[in-house]
Full PDB file with SEQRES, HELIX, SHEET, SSBOND, CRYST1, ORIGX, SCALE, CONECT and MASTER records, all heavy atoms in Angstrom:
SEQRES   1 A   39  LEU PRO GLU MET THR PRO LYS TYR ALA ALA MET TYR ASN          
SEQRES   2 A   39  VAL ILE ASP SER PHE ASP THR HIS ALA ASN ILE PRO ALA          
SEQRES   3 A   39  HIS PHE ALA ASN VAL ASP ALA ALA SER ARG ALA ALA GLY          
HELIX    1 AA1 MET A    4  ALA A    9  1                                   6    
HELIX    2 AA2 HIS A   21  ASN A   23  5                                   3    
HELIX    3 AA3 ILE A   24  ALA A   38  1                                  15    
CRYST1    1.000    1.000    1.000  90.00  90.00  90.00 P 1           1          
ORIGX1      1.000000  0.000000  0.000000        0.00000                         
ORIGX2      0.000000  1.000000  0.000000        0.00000                         
ORIGX3      0.000000  0.000000  1.000000        0.00000                         
SCALE1      1.000000  0.000000  0.000000        0.00000                         
SCALE2      0.000000  1.000000  0.000000        0.00000                         
SCALE3      0.000000  0.000000  1.000000        0.00000                         
ATOM      1  N   LEU A   1      62.931  67.803 178.360  1.00  0.00           N  
ATOM      2  CA  LEU A   1      64.211  68.346 178.808  1.00  0.00           C  
ATOM      3  C   LEU A   1      64.785  67.669 180.059  1.00  0.00           C  
ATOM      4  O   LEU A   1      66.016  67.523 180.155  1.00  0.00           O  
ATOM      5  CB  LEU A   1      64.096  69.855 179.021  1.00  0.00           C  
ATOM      6  CG  LEU A   1      63.799  70.655 177.741  1.00  0.00           C  
ATOM      7  CD1 LEU A   1      63.622  72.137 178.057  1.00  0.00           C  
ATOM      8  CD2 LEU A   1      64.909  70.473 176.700  1.00  0.00           C  
ATOM      9  N   PRO A   2      63.966  67.249 181.034  1.00  0.00           N  
ATOM     10  CA  PRO A   2      64.557  66.565 182.183  1.00  0.00           C  
ATOM     11  C   PRO A   2      65.368  65.333 181.787  1.00  0.00           C  
ATOM     12  O   PRO A   2      66.337  64.978 182.470  1.00  0.00           O  
ATOM     13  CB  PRO A   2      63.335  66.174 183.027  1.00  0.00           C  
ATOM     14  CG  PRO A   2      62.319  67.207 182.700  1.00  0.00           C  
ATOM     15  CD  PRO A   2      62.521  67.479 181.221  1.00  0.00           C  
ATOM     16  N   GLU A   3      64.990  64.701 180.690  1.00  0.00           N  
ATOM     17  CA  GLU A   3      65.729  63.536 180.203  1.00  0.00           C  
ATOM     18  C   GLU A   3      66.783  63.933 179.168  1.00  0.00           C  
ATOM     19  O   GLU A   3      67.930  63.474 179.217  1.00  0.00           O  
ATOM     20  CB  GLU A   3      64.750  62.541 179.569  1.00  0.00           C  
ATOM     21  CG  GLU A   3      65.422  61.326 178.946  1.00  0.00           C  
ATOM     22  CD  GLU A   3      64.442  60.420 178.222  1.00  0.00           C  
ATOM     23  OE1 GLU A   3      63.261  60.422 178.600  1.00  0.00           O  
ATOM     24  OE2 GLU A   3      64.866  59.734 177.271  1.00  0.00           O  
ATOM     25  N   MET A   4      66.412  64.807 178.234  1.00  0.00           N  
ATOM     26  CA  MET A   4      67.289  65.140 177.115  1.00  0.00           C  
ATOM     27  C   MET A   4      68.532  65.909 177.540  1.00  0.00           C  
ATOM     28  O   MET A   4      69.642  65.618 177.073  1.00  0.00           O  
ATOM     29  CB  MET A   4      66.519  65.962 176.074  1.00  0.00           C  
ATOM     30  CG  MET A   4      65.463  65.199 175.314  1.00  0.00           C  
ATOM     31  SD  MET A   4      64.385  66.301 174.335  1.00  0.00           S  
ATOM     32  CE  MET A   4      65.585  67.114 173.282  1.00  0.00           C  
ATOM     33  N   THR A   5      68.366  66.913 178.385  1.00  0.00           N  
ATOM     34  CA  THR A   5      69.504  67.793 178.670  1.00  0.00           C  
ATOM     35  C   THR A   5      70.650  67.053 179.358  1.00  0.00           C  
ATOM     36  O   THR A   5      71.795  67.146 178.903  1.00  0.00           O  
ATOM     37  CB  THR A   5      69.055  69.021 179.482  1.00  0.00           C  
ATOM     38  OG1 THR A   5      67.931  69.634 178.843  1.00  0.00           O  
ATOM     39  CG2 THR A   5      70.185  70.041 179.549  1.00  0.00           C  
ATOM     40  N   PRO A   6      70.407  66.292 180.432  1.00  0.00           N  
ATOM     41  CA  PRO A   6      71.533  65.531 181.003  1.00  0.00           C  
ATOM     42  C   PRO A   6      72.132  64.519 180.019  1.00  0.00           C  
ATOM     43  O   PRO A   6      73.356  64.332 179.986  1.00  0.00           O  
ATOM     44  CB  PRO A   6      70.903  64.820 182.208  1.00  0.00           C  
ATOM     45  CG  PRO A   6      69.690  65.601 182.539  1.00  0.00           C  
ATOM     46  CD  PRO A   6      69.183  66.136 181.227  1.00  0.00           C  
ATOM     47  N   LYS A   7      71.261  63.889 179.222  1.00  0.00           N  
ATOM     48  CA  LYS A   7      71.756  62.893 178.258  1.00  0.00           C  
ATOM     49  C   LYS A   7      72.734  63.521 177.273  1.00  0.00           C  
ATOM     50  O   LYS A   7      73.842  62.996 177.058  1.00  0.00           O  
ATOM     51  CB  LYS A   7      70.572  62.280 177.508  1.00  0.00           C  
ATOM     52  CG  LYS A   7      70.976  61.305 176.399  1.00  0.00           C  
ATOM     53  CD  LYS A   7      69.748  60.751 175.685  1.00  0.00           C  
ATOM     54  CE  LYS A   7      70.159  59.811 174.553  1.00  0.00           C  
ATOM     55  NZ  LYS A   7      68.959  59.236 173.854  1.00  0.00           N  
ATOM     56  N   TYR A   8      72.351  64.648 176.679  1.00  0.00           N  
ATOM     57  CA  TYR A   8      73.209  65.251 175.660  1.00  0.00           C  
ATOM     58  C   TYR A   8      74.315  66.110 176.260  1.00  0.00           C  
ATOM     59  O   TYR A   8      75.326  66.366 175.594  1.00  0.00           O  
ATOM     60  CB  TYR A   8      72.355  66.038 174.668  1.00  0.00           C  
ATOM     61  CG  TYR A   8      71.410  65.147 173.886  1.00  0.00           C  
ATOM     62  CD1 TYR A   8      70.036  65.388 173.862  1.00  0.00           C  
ATOM     63  CD2 TYR A   8      71.887  64.026 173.208  1.00  0.00           C  
ATOM     64  CE1 TYR A   8      69.171  64.554 173.177  1.00  0.00           C  
ATOM     65  CE2 TYR A   8      71.037  63.183 172.515  1.00  0.00           C  
ATOM     66  CZ  TYR A   8      69.682  63.448 172.502  1.00  0.00           C  
ATOM     67  OH  TYR A   8      68.836  62.605 171.817  1.00  0.00           O  
ATOM     68  N   ALA A   9      74.165  66.527 177.516  1.00  0.00           N  
ATOM     69  CA  ALA A   9      75.243  67.254 178.195  1.00  0.00           C  
ATOM     70  C   ALA A   9      76.457  66.354 178.416  1.00  0.00           C  
ATOM     71  O   ALA A   9      77.572  66.848 178.619  1.00  0.00           O  
ATOM     72  CB  ALA A   9      74.755  67.801 179.534  1.00  0.00           C  
ATOM     73  N   ALA A  10      76.252  65.048 178.372  1.00  0.00           N  
ATOM     74  CA  ALA A  10      77.363  64.103 178.498  1.00  0.00           C  
ATOM     75  C   ALA A  10      78.161  63.994 177.201  1.00  0.00           C  
ATOM     76  O   ALA A  10      79.215  63.345 177.176  1.00  0.00           O  
ATOM     77  CB  ALA A  10      76.833  62.729 178.899  1.00  0.00           C  
ATOM     78  N   MET A  11      77.673  64.647 176.131  1.00  0.00           N  
ATOM     79  CA  MET A  11      78.346  64.578 174.836  1.00  0.00           C  
ATOM     80  C   MET A  11      78.690  65.947 174.254  1.00  0.00           C  
ATOM     81  O   MET A  11      79.660  66.083 173.511  1.00  0.00           O  
ATOM     82  CB  MET A  11      77.445  63.833 173.831  1.00  0.00           C  
ATOM     83  CG  MET A  11      77.167  62.391 174.172  1.00  0.00           C  
ATOM     84  SD  MET A  11      76.129  61.596 172.893  1.00  0.00           S  
ATOM     85  CE  MET A  11      74.496  61.841 173.601  1.00  0.00           C  
ATOM     86  N   TYR A  12      77.865  66.959 174.547  1.00  0.00           N  
ATOM     87  CA  TYR A  12      77.971  68.258 173.879  1.00  0.00           C  
ATOM     88  C   TYR A  12      77.869  69.404 174.891  1.00  0.00           C  
ATOM     89  O   TYR A  12      77.341  69.231 175.995  1.00  0.00           O  
ATOM     90  CB  TYR A  12      76.799  68.443 172.889  1.00  0.00           C  
ATOM     91  CG  TYR A  12      76.772  67.501 171.722  1.00  0.00           C  
ATOM     92  CD1 TYR A  12      76.067  66.296 171.788  1.00  0.00           C  
ATOM     93  CD2 TYR A  12      77.410  67.818 170.525  1.00  0.00           C  
ATOM     94  CE1 TYR A  12      76.015  65.436 170.705  1.00  0.00           C  
ATOM     95  CE2 TYR A  12      77.358  66.969 169.434  1.00  0.00           C  
ATOM     96  CZ  TYR A  12      76.662  65.770 169.522  1.00  0.00           C  
ATOM     97  OH  TYR A  12      76.607  64.930 168.443  1.00  0.00           O  
ATOM     98  N   ASN A  13      78.324  70.590 174.481  1.00  0.00           N  
ATOM     99  CA  ASN A  13      77.865  71.813 175.118  1.00  0.00           C  
ATOM    100  C   ASN A  13      76.388  71.965 174.755  1.00  0.00           C  
ATOM    101  O   ASN A  13      76.028  71.864 173.581  1.00  0.00           O  
ATOM    102  CB  ASN A  13      78.638  73.033 174.601  1.00  0.00           C  
ATOM    103  CG  ASN A  13      80.107  72.981 174.945  1.00  0.00           C  
ATOM    104  OD1 ASN A  13      80.494  72.706 176.075  1.00  0.00           O  
ATOM    105  ND2 ASN A  13      80.951  73.237 173.944  1.00  0.00           N  
ATOM    106  N   VAL A  14      75.532  72.202 175.757  1.00  0.00           N  
ATOM    107  CA  VAL A  14      74.092  72.228 175.485  1.00  0.00           C  
ATOM    108  C   VAL A  14      73.454  73.496 176.051  1.00  0.00           C  
ATOM    109  O   VAL A  14      73.931  74.090 177.010  1.00  0.00           O  
ATOM    110  CB  VAL A  14      73.363  70.987 176.062  1.00  0.00           C  
ATOM    111  CG1 VAL A  14      73.841  69.720 175.383  1.00  0.00           C  
ATOM    112  CG2 VAL A  14      73.526  70.904 177.573  1.00  0.00           C  
ATOM    113  N   ILE A  15      72.318  73.870 175.423  1.00  0.00           N  
ATOM    114  CA  ILE A  15      71.486  74.989 175.860  1.00  0.00           C  
ATOM    115  C   ILE A  15      70.060  74.473 175.938  1.00  0.00           C  
ATOM    116  O   ILE A  15      69.600  73.778 175.031  1.00  0.00           O  
ATOM    117  CB  ILE A  15      71.528  76.160 174.842  1.00  0.00           C  
ATOM    118  CG1 ILE A  15      72.964  76.576 174.535  1.00  0.00           C  
ATOM    119  CG2 ILE A  15      70.700  77.340 175.346  1.00  0.00           C  
ATOM    120  CD1 ILE A  15      73.721  77.139 175.692  1.00  0.00           C  
ATOM    121  N   ASP A  16      69.336  74.824 177.021  1.00  0.00           N  
ATOM    122  CA  ASP A  16      67.908  74.519 177.023  1.00  0.00           C  
ATOM    123  C   ASP A  16      67.109  75.685 177.599  1.00  0.00           C  
ATOM    124  O   ASP A  16      67.677  76.658 178.111  1.00  0.00           O  
ATOM    125  CB  ASP A  16      67.605  73.188 177.732  1.00  0.00           C  
ATOM    126  CG  ASP A  16      67.558  73.247 179.261  1.00  0.00           C  
ATOM    127  OD1 ASP A  16      67.468  74.355 179.838  1.00  0.00           O  
ATOM    128  OD2 ASP A  16      67.610  72.173 179.894  1.00  0.00           O  
ATOM    129  N   SER A  17      65.782  75.572 177.499  1.00  0.00           N  
ATOM    130  CA  SER A  17      64.879  76.616 178.001  1.00  0.00           C  
ATOM    131  C   SER A  17      63.955  76.043 179.072  1.00  0.00           C  
ATOM    132  O   SER A  17      62.782  76.396 179.142  1.00  0.00           O  
ATOM    133  CB  SER A  17      64.062  77.228 176.862  1.00  0.00           C  
ATOM    134  OG  SER A  17      63.291  76.225 176.211  1.00  0.00           O  
ATOM    135  N   PHE A  18      64.479  75.161 179.910  1.00  0.00           N  
ATOM    136  CA  PHE A  18      63.691  74.521 180.966  1.00  0.00           C  
ATOM    137  C   PHE A  18      63.031  75.589 181.832  1.00  0.00           C  
ATOM    138  O   PHE A  18      63.704  76.460 182.382  1.00  0.00           O  
ATOM    139  CB  PHE A  18      64.595  73.643 181.826  1.00  0.00           C  
ATOM    140  CG  PHE A  18      63.871  72.859 182.886  1.00  0.00           C  
ATOM    141  CD1 PHE A  18      63.185  71.699 182.550  1.00  0.00           C  
ATOM    142  CD2 PHE A  18      63.863  73.278 184.204  1.00  0.00           C  
ATOM    143  CE1 PHE A  18      62.512  70.968 183.518  1.00  0.00           C  
ATOM    144  CE2 PHE A  18      63.196  72.557 185.177  1.00  0.00           C  
ATOM    145  CZ  PHE A  18      62.523  71.398 184.841  1.00  0.00           C  
ATOM    146  N   ASP A  19      61.685  75.549 181.945  1.00  0.00           N  
ATOM    147  CA  ASP A  19      60.994  76.663 182.590  1.00  0.00           C  
ATOM    148  C   ASP A  19      60.058  76.256 183.717  1.00  0.00           C  
ATOM    149  O   ASP A  19      59.203  77.046 184.135  1.00  0.00           O  
ATOM    150  CB  ASP A  19      60.238  77.506 181.558  1.00  0.00           C  
ATOM    151  CG  ASP A  19      59.094  76.753 180.890  1.00  0.00           C  
ATOM    152  OD1 ASP A  19      58.899  75.552 181.208  1.00  0.00           O  
ATOM    153  OD2 ASP A  19      58.401  77.358 180.054  1.00  0.00           O  
ATOM    154  N   THR A  20      60.214  75.051 184.248  1.00  0.00           N  
ATOM    155  CA  THR A  20      59.450  74.662 185.430  1.00  0.00           C  
ATOM    156  C   THR A  20      60.225  75.157 186.651  1.00  0.00           C  
ATOM    157  O   THR A  20      61.133  74.481 187.149  1.00  0.00           O  
ATOM    158  CB  THR A  20      59.234  73.143 185.486  1.00  0.00           C  
ATOM    159  OG1 THR A  20      58.672  72.694 184.252  1.00  0.00           O  
ATOM    160  CG2 THR A  20      58.307  72.772 186.633  1.00  0.00           C  
ATOM    161  N   HIS A  21      59.873  76.342 187.131  1.00  0.00           N  
ATOM    162  CA  HIS A  21      60.688  77.036 188.139  1.00  0.00           C  
ATOM    163  C   HIS A  21      60.988  76.158 189.353  1.00  0.00           C  
ATOM    164  O   HIS A  21      62.128  76.115 189.826  1.00  0.00           O  
ATOM    165  CB  HIS A  21      59.980  78.321 188.588  1.00  0.00           C  
ATOM    166  CG  HIS A  21      59.965  79.393 187.547  1.00  0.00           C  
ATOM    167  ND1 HIS A  21      60.856  80.452 187.549  1.00  0.00           N  
ATOM    168  CD2 HIS A  21      59.172  79.579 186.472  1.00  0.00           C  
ATOM    169  CE1 HIS A  21      60.603  81.239 186.520  1.00  0.00           C  
ATOM    170  NE2 HIS A  21      59.586  80.724 185.848  1.00  0.00           N  
ATOM    171  N   ALA A  22      59.985  75.448 189.865  1.00  0.00           N  
ATOM    172  CA  ALA A  22      60.165  74.678 191.091  1.00  0.00           C  
ATOM    173  C   ALA A  22      61.164  73.536 190.918  1.00  0.00           C  
ATOM    174  O   ALA A  22      61.778  73.095 191.904  1.00  0.00           O  
ATOM    175  CB  ALA A  22      58.819  74.115 191.550  1.00  0.00           C  
ATOM    176  N   ASN A  23      61.358  73.070 189.699  1.00  0.00           N  
ATOM    177  CA  ASN A  23      62.241  71.922 189.464  1.00  0.00           C  
ATOM    178  C   ASN A  23      63.618  72.314 188.934  1.00  0.00           C  
ATOM    179  O   ASN A  23      64.427  71.444 188.607  1.00  0.00           O  
ATOM    180  CB  ASN A  23      61.580  70.960 188.480  1.00  0.00           C  
ATOM    181  CG  ASN A  23      60.308  70.352 189.032  1.00  0.00           C  
ATOM    182  OD1 ASN A  23      60.107  70.311 190.242  1.00  0.00           O  
ATOM    183  ND2 ASN A  23      59.436  69.881 188.153  1.00  0.00           N  
ATOM    184  N   ILE A  24      63.900  73.605 188.851  1.00  0.00           N  
ATOM    185  CA  ILE A  24      65.200  74.045 188.331  1.00  0.00           C  
ATOM    186  C   ILE A  24      66.368  73.525 189.169  1.00  0.00           C  
ATOM    187  O   ILE A  24      67.373  73.057 188.604  1.00  0.00           O  
ATOM    188  CB  ILE A  24      65.240  75.576 188.177  1.00  0.00           C  
ATOM    189  CG1 ILE A  24      64.403  75.999 186.958  1.00  0.00           C  
ATOM    190  CG2 ILE A  24      66.674  76.082 188.030  1.00  0.00           C  
ATOM    191  CD1 ILE A  24      64.284  77.507 186.773  1.00  0.00           C  
ATOM    192  N   PRO A  25      66.333  73.568 190.507  1.00  0.00           N  
ATOM    193  CA  PRO A  25      67.490  73.060 191.267  1.00  0.00           C  
ATOM    194  C   PRO A  25      67.842  71.612 190.947  1.00  0.00           C  
ATOM    195  O   PRO A  25      69.025  71.273 190.773  1.00  0.00           O  
ATOM    196  CB  PRO A  25      67.050  73.233 192.722  1.00  0.00           C  
ATOM    197  CG  PRO A  25      66.111  74.397 192.694  1.00  0.00           C  
ATOM    198  CD  PRO A  25      65.345  74.225 191.406  1.00  0.00           C  
ATOM    199  N   ALA A  26      66.837  70.738 190.862  1.00  0.00           N  
ATOM    200  CA  ALA A  26      67.105  69.331 190.561  1.00  0.00           C  
ATOM    201  C   ALA A  26      67.613  69.166 189.133  1.00  0.00           C  
ATOM    202  O   ALA A  26      68.538  68.371 188.877  1.00  0.00           O  
ATOM    203  CB  ALA A  26      65.827  68.503 190.766  1.00  0.00           C  
ATOM    204  N   HIS A  27      67.020  69.903 188.189  1.00  0.00           N  
ATOM    205  CA  HIS A  27      67.463  69.839 186.790  1.00  0.00           C  
ATOM    206  C   HIS A  27      68.909  70.329 186.678  1.00  0.00           C  
ATOM    207  O   HIS A  27      69.731  69.705 185.991  1.00  0.00           O  
ATOM    208  CB  HIS A  27      66.532  70.696 185.929  1.00  0.00           C  
ATOM    209  CG  HIS A  27      66.802  70.624 184.459  1.00  0.00           C  
ATOM    210  ND1 HIS A  27      66.746  69.453 183.740  1.00  0.00           N  
ATOM    211  CD2 HIS A  27      67.145  71.610 183.564  1.00  0.00           C  
ATOM    212  CE1 HIS A  27      67.026  69.696 182.467  1.00  0.00           C  
ATOM    213  NE2 HIS A  27      67.268  70.999 182.344  1.00  0.00           N  
ATOM    214  N   PHE A  28      69.223  71.402 187.360  1.00  0.00           N  
ATOM    215  CA  PHE A  28      70.589  71.938 187.351  1.00  0.00           C  
ATOM    216  C   PHE A  28      71.574  70.880 187.845  1.00  0.00           C  
ATOM    217  O   PHE A  28      72.631  70.666 187.234  1.00  0.00           O  
ATOM    218  CB  PHE A  28      70.662  73.188 188.237  1.00  0.00           C  
ATOM    219  CG  PHE A  28      72.012  73.848 188.263  1.00  0.00           C  
ATOM    220  CD1 PHE A  28      72.298  74.901 187.404  1.00  0.00           C  
ATOM    221  CD2 PHE A  28      73.005  73.426 189.140  1.00  0.00           C  
ATOM    222  CE1 PHE A  28      73.545  75.518 187.422  1.00  0.00           C  
ATOM    223  CE2 PHE A  28      74.251  74.031 189.159  1.00  0.00           C  
ATOM    224  CZ  PHE A  28      74.516  75.091 188.297  1.00  0.00           C  
ATOM    225  N   ALA A  29      71.250  70.207 188.948  1.00  0.00           N  
ATOM    226  CA  ALA A  29      72.154  69.205 189.511  1.00  0.00           C  
ATOM    227  C   ALA A  29      72.396  68.059 188.536  1.00  0.00           C  
ATOM    228  O   ALA A  29      73.534  67.582 188.382  1.00  0.00           O  
ATOM    229  CB  ALA A  29      71.581  68.673 190.826  1.00  0.00           C  
ATOM    230  N   ASN A  30      71.345  67.616 187.844  1.00  0.00           N  
ATOM    231  CA  ASN A  30      71.491  66.517 186.886  1.00  0.00           C  
ATOM    232  C   ASN A  30      72.366  66.920 185.707  1.00  0.00           C  
ATOM    233  O   ASN A  30      73.224  66.148 185.254  1.00  0.00           O  
ATOM    234  CB  ASN A  30      70.114  66.077 186.382  1.00  0.00           C  
ATOM    235  CG  ASN A  30      69.289  65.419 187.463  1.00  0.00           C  
ATOM    236  OD1 ASN A  30      69.822  64.884 188.432  1.00  0.00           O  
ATOM    237  ND2 ASN A  30      67.969  65.449 187.312  1.00  0.00           N  
ATOM    238  N   VAL A  31      72.153  68.118 185.191  1.00  0.00           N  
ATOM    239  CA  VAL A  31      72.946  68.595 184.055  1.00  0.00           C  
ATOM    240  C   VAL A  31      74.384  68.864 184.487  1.00  0.00           C  
ATOM    241  O   VAL A  31      75.336  68.588 183.745  1.00  0.00           O  
ATOM    242  CB  VAL A  31      72.310  69.861 183.441  1.00  0.00           C  
ATOM    243  CG1 VAL A  31      73.177  70.408 182.312  1.00  0.00           C  
ATOM    244  CG2 VAL A  31      70.913  69.544 182.922  1.00  0.00           C  
ATOM    245  N   ASP A  32      74.557  69.383 185.689  1.00  0.00           N  
ATOM    246  CA  ASP A  32      75.902  69.685 186.187  1.00  0.00           C  
ATOM    247  C   ASP A  32      76.755  68.433 186.280  1.00  0.00           C  
ATOM    248  O   ASP A  32      77.920  68.424 185.862  1.00  0.00           O  
ATOM    249  CB  ASP A  32      75.791  70.359 187.559  1.00  0.00           C  
ATOM    250  CG  ASP A  32      77.107  70.952 188.028  1.00  0.00           C  
ATOM    251  OD1 ASP A  32      77.710  71.741 187.255  1.00  0.00           O  
ATOM    252  OD2 ASP A  32      77.548  70.643 189.146  1.00  0.00           O  
ATOM    253  N   ALA A  33      76.187  67.358 186.798  1.00  0.00           N  
ATOM    254  CA  ALA A  33      76.943  66.110 186.922  1.00  0.00           C  
ATOM    255  C   ALA A  33      77.376  65.591 185.559  1.00  0.00           C  
ATOM    256  O   ALA A  33      78.533  65.182 185.365  1.00  0.00           O  
ATOM    257  CB  ALA A  33      76.100  65.068 187.653  1.00  0.00           C  
ATOM    258  N   ALA A  34      76.449  65.615 184.600  1.00  0.00           N  
ATOM    259  CA  ALA A  34      76.757  65.093 183.260  1.00  0.00           C  
ATOM    260  C   ALA A  34      77.764  65.958 182.531  1.00  0.00           C  
ATOM    261  O   ALA A  34      78.726  65.455 181.918  1.00  0.00           O  
ATOM    262  CB  ALA A  34      75.470  64.989 182.443  1.00  0.00           C  
ATOM    263  N   SER A  35      77.593  67.270 182.575  1.00  0.00           N  
ATOM    264  CA  SER A  35      78.472  68.157 181.810  1.00  0.00           C  
ATOM    265  C   SER A  35      79.868  68.246 182.427  1.00  0.00           C  
ATOM    266  O   SER A  35      80.859  68.346 181.702  1.00  0.00           O  
ATOM    267  CB  SER A  35      77.837  69.546 181.666  1.00  0.00           C  
ATOM    268  OG  SER A  35      77.520  70.092 182.926  1.00  0.00           O  
ATOM    269  N   ARG A  36      79.963  68.200 183.743  1.00  0.00           N  
ATOM    270  CA  ARG A  36      81.290  68.218 184.366  1.00  0.00           C  
ATOM    271  C   ARG A  36      82.081  66.966 184.024  1.00  0.00           C  
ATOM    272  O   ARG A  36      83.278  67.023 183.744  1.00  0.00           O  
ATOM    273  CB  ARG A  36      81.165  68.360 185.886  1.00  0.00           C  
ATOM    274  CG  ARG A  36      80.806  69.754 186.337  1.00  0.00           C  
ATOM    275  CD  ARG A  36      80.941  69.940 187.846  1.00  0.00           C  
ATOM    276  NE  ARG A  36      80.436  71.252 188.227  1.00  0.00           N  
ATOM    277  CZ  ARG A  36      81.133  72.377 188.114  1.00  0.00           C  
ATOM    278  NH1 ARG A  36      82.374  72.345 187.643  1.00  0.00           N  
ATOM    279  NH2 ARG A  36      80.608  73.531 188.460  1.00  0.00           N  
ATOM    280  N   ALA A  37      81.407  65.822 184.035  1.00  0.00           N  
ATOM    281  CA  ALA A  37      82.086  64.569 183.694  1.00  0.00           C  
ATOM    282  C   ALA A  37      82.593  64.583 182.260  1.00  0.00           C  
ATOM    283  O   ALA A  37      83.629  63.985 181.941  1.00  0.00           O  
ATOM    284  CB  ALA A  37      81.137  63.399 183.906  1.00  0.00           C  
ATOM    285  N   ALA A  38      81.865  65.304 181.385  1.00  0.00           N  
ATOM    286  CA  ALA A  38      82.246  65.358 179.965  1.00  0.00           C  
ATOM    287  C   ALA A  38      83.166  66.531 179.647  1.00  0.00           C  
ATOM    288  O   ALA A  38      83.664  66.629 178.518  1.00  0.00           O  
ATOM    289  CB  ALA A  38      80.985  65.464 179.112  1.00  0.00           C  
ATOM    290  N   GLY A  39      83.383  67.432 180.605  1.00  0.00           N  
ATOM    291  CA  GLY A  39      84.171  68.633 180.330  1.00  0.00           C  
ATOM    292  C   GLY A  39      83.448  69.625 179.436  1.00  0.00           C  
ATOM    293  O   GLY A  39      84.067  70.393 178.697  1.00  0.00           O  
TER     294      GLY A  39                                                      
MASTER        0    0    0    3    0    0    0    6  293    1    0    3          
END                                                                             
């Protein structure tokens, strides 16, 4: 998911179940950048 979610967020509306609590802030930032750029 750290690789897949940002990659596909640049193309689609995406849902994931990322559950590594300590890494959620960084994962959120990566997905946010990709999904905002794609609308």
